[in-house]
């Protein structure tokens, strides 16, 4: 486990080994939130990364809901 230090500008530098293993790039955005044990950083994925993730999914909902079921 490596450590880092919070700068006077409240910035952290991610250790090189972590950046390389996670394939982080300069300018990459992260969602940051407080958790029970500290801080979580989750990389934000561009919308284009979602393309095709539902490929092959059955989008027919006729058997679940019909027009008469709408409220």
Protein backbone atom coordinates (compact mmCIF):
# COMPACT_ATOMS: atom_id res chain seq x y z
CA UNK A 1 0.00 0.00 0.00
CA UNK A 2 1.32 3.41 -0.94
CA UNK A 3 0.60 6.77 0.66
CA UNK A 4 0.06 10.29 -0.64
CA UNK A 5 -0.14 13.72 0.95
CA UNK A 6 -2.84 16.37 0.69
CA UNK A 7 -1.29 19.58 -0.67
CA UNK A 8 -1.97 23.11 0.55
CA UNK A 9 -4.33 23.39 -2.46
CA UNK A 10 -6.22 20.29 -1.22
CA UNK A 11 -4.92 18.16 -4.10
CA UNK A 12 -3.81 14.53 -3.98
CA UNK A 13 -1.37 12.82 -6.32
CA UNK A 14 -2.26 9.23 -7.11
CA UNK A 15 0.82 7.00 -6.91
CA UNK A 16 2.20 6.00 -10.30
CA UNK A 17 1.73 2.27 -9.73
CA UNK A 18 -1.98 2.84 -8.99
CA UNK A 19 -2.46 5.15 -12.01
CA UNK A 20 -0.87 2.61 -14.31
CA UNK A 21 -2.67 -0.44 -12.90
CA UNK A 22 -6.05 1.32 -13.15
CA UNK A 23 -5.22 2.89 -16.54
CA UNK A 24 -6.09 6.42 -15.34
CA UNK A 25 -5.38 9.25 -17.79
CA UNK A 26 -4.68 12.96 -17.25
CA UNK A 27 -7.91 14.95 -17.16
CA UNK A 28 -10.01 11.92 -16.27
CA UNK A 29 -12.99 12.78 -14.06
CA UNK A 30 -14.03 11.01 -10.87
CA UNK A 31 -17.10 10.94 -8.67
CA UNK A 32 -16.03 11.42 -5.05
CA UNK A 33 -18.11 10.58 -2.02
CA UNK A 34 -17.70 10.04 1.67
CA UNK A 35 -18.07 6.45 2.81
CA UNK A 36 -18.19 4.68 6.14
CA UNK A 37 -14.42 4.11 6.09
CA UNK A 38 -13.13 7.18 4.24
CA UNK A 39 -13.39 8.54 0.71
CA UNK A 40 -14.39 6.66 -2.44
CA UNK A 41 -13.33 7.78 -5.91
CA UNK A 42 -15.16 6.26 -8.87
CA UNK A 43 -13.99 7.00 -12.40
CA UNK A 44 -16.66 8.65 -14.56
CA UNK A 45 -17.22 6.82 -17.80
CA UNK A 46 -18.14 8.82 -20.91
CA UNK A 47 -21.57 8.12 -22.36
CA UNK A 48 -19.87 6.66 -25.43
CA UNK A 49 -18.50 3.87 -23.21
CA UNK A 50 -22.09 2.67 -22.69
CA UNK A 51 -22.64 2.05 -26.39
CA UNK A 52 -23.58 -1.57 -26.99
CA UNK A 53 -23.83 -2.69 -23.37
CA UNK A 54 -27.44 -3.79 -23.92
CA UNK A 55 -26.70 -5.59 -27.18
CA UNK A 56 -28.86 -8.67 -27.43
CA UNK A 57 -31.24 -7.58 -24.66
CA UNK A 58 -34.93 -8.33 -25.20
CA UNK A 59 -36.60 -4.93 -25.47
CA UNK A 60 -40.09 -6.29 -26.13
CA UNK A 61 -42.25 -5.45 -23.12
CA UNK A 62 -45.60 -6.49 -24.65
CA UNK A 63 -45.91 -9.42 -22.28
CA UNK A 64 -45.33 -7.19 -19.23
CA UNK A 65 -47.36 -4.11 -20.04
CA UNK A 66 -49.93 -3.19 -22.68
CA UNK A 67 -51.39 0.15 -23.66
CA UNK A 68 -54.51 -0.60 -21.57
CA UNK A 69 -52.35 -0.90 -18.44
CA UNK A 70 -51.15 2.71 -18.57
CA UNK A 71 -52.49 5.03 -15.95
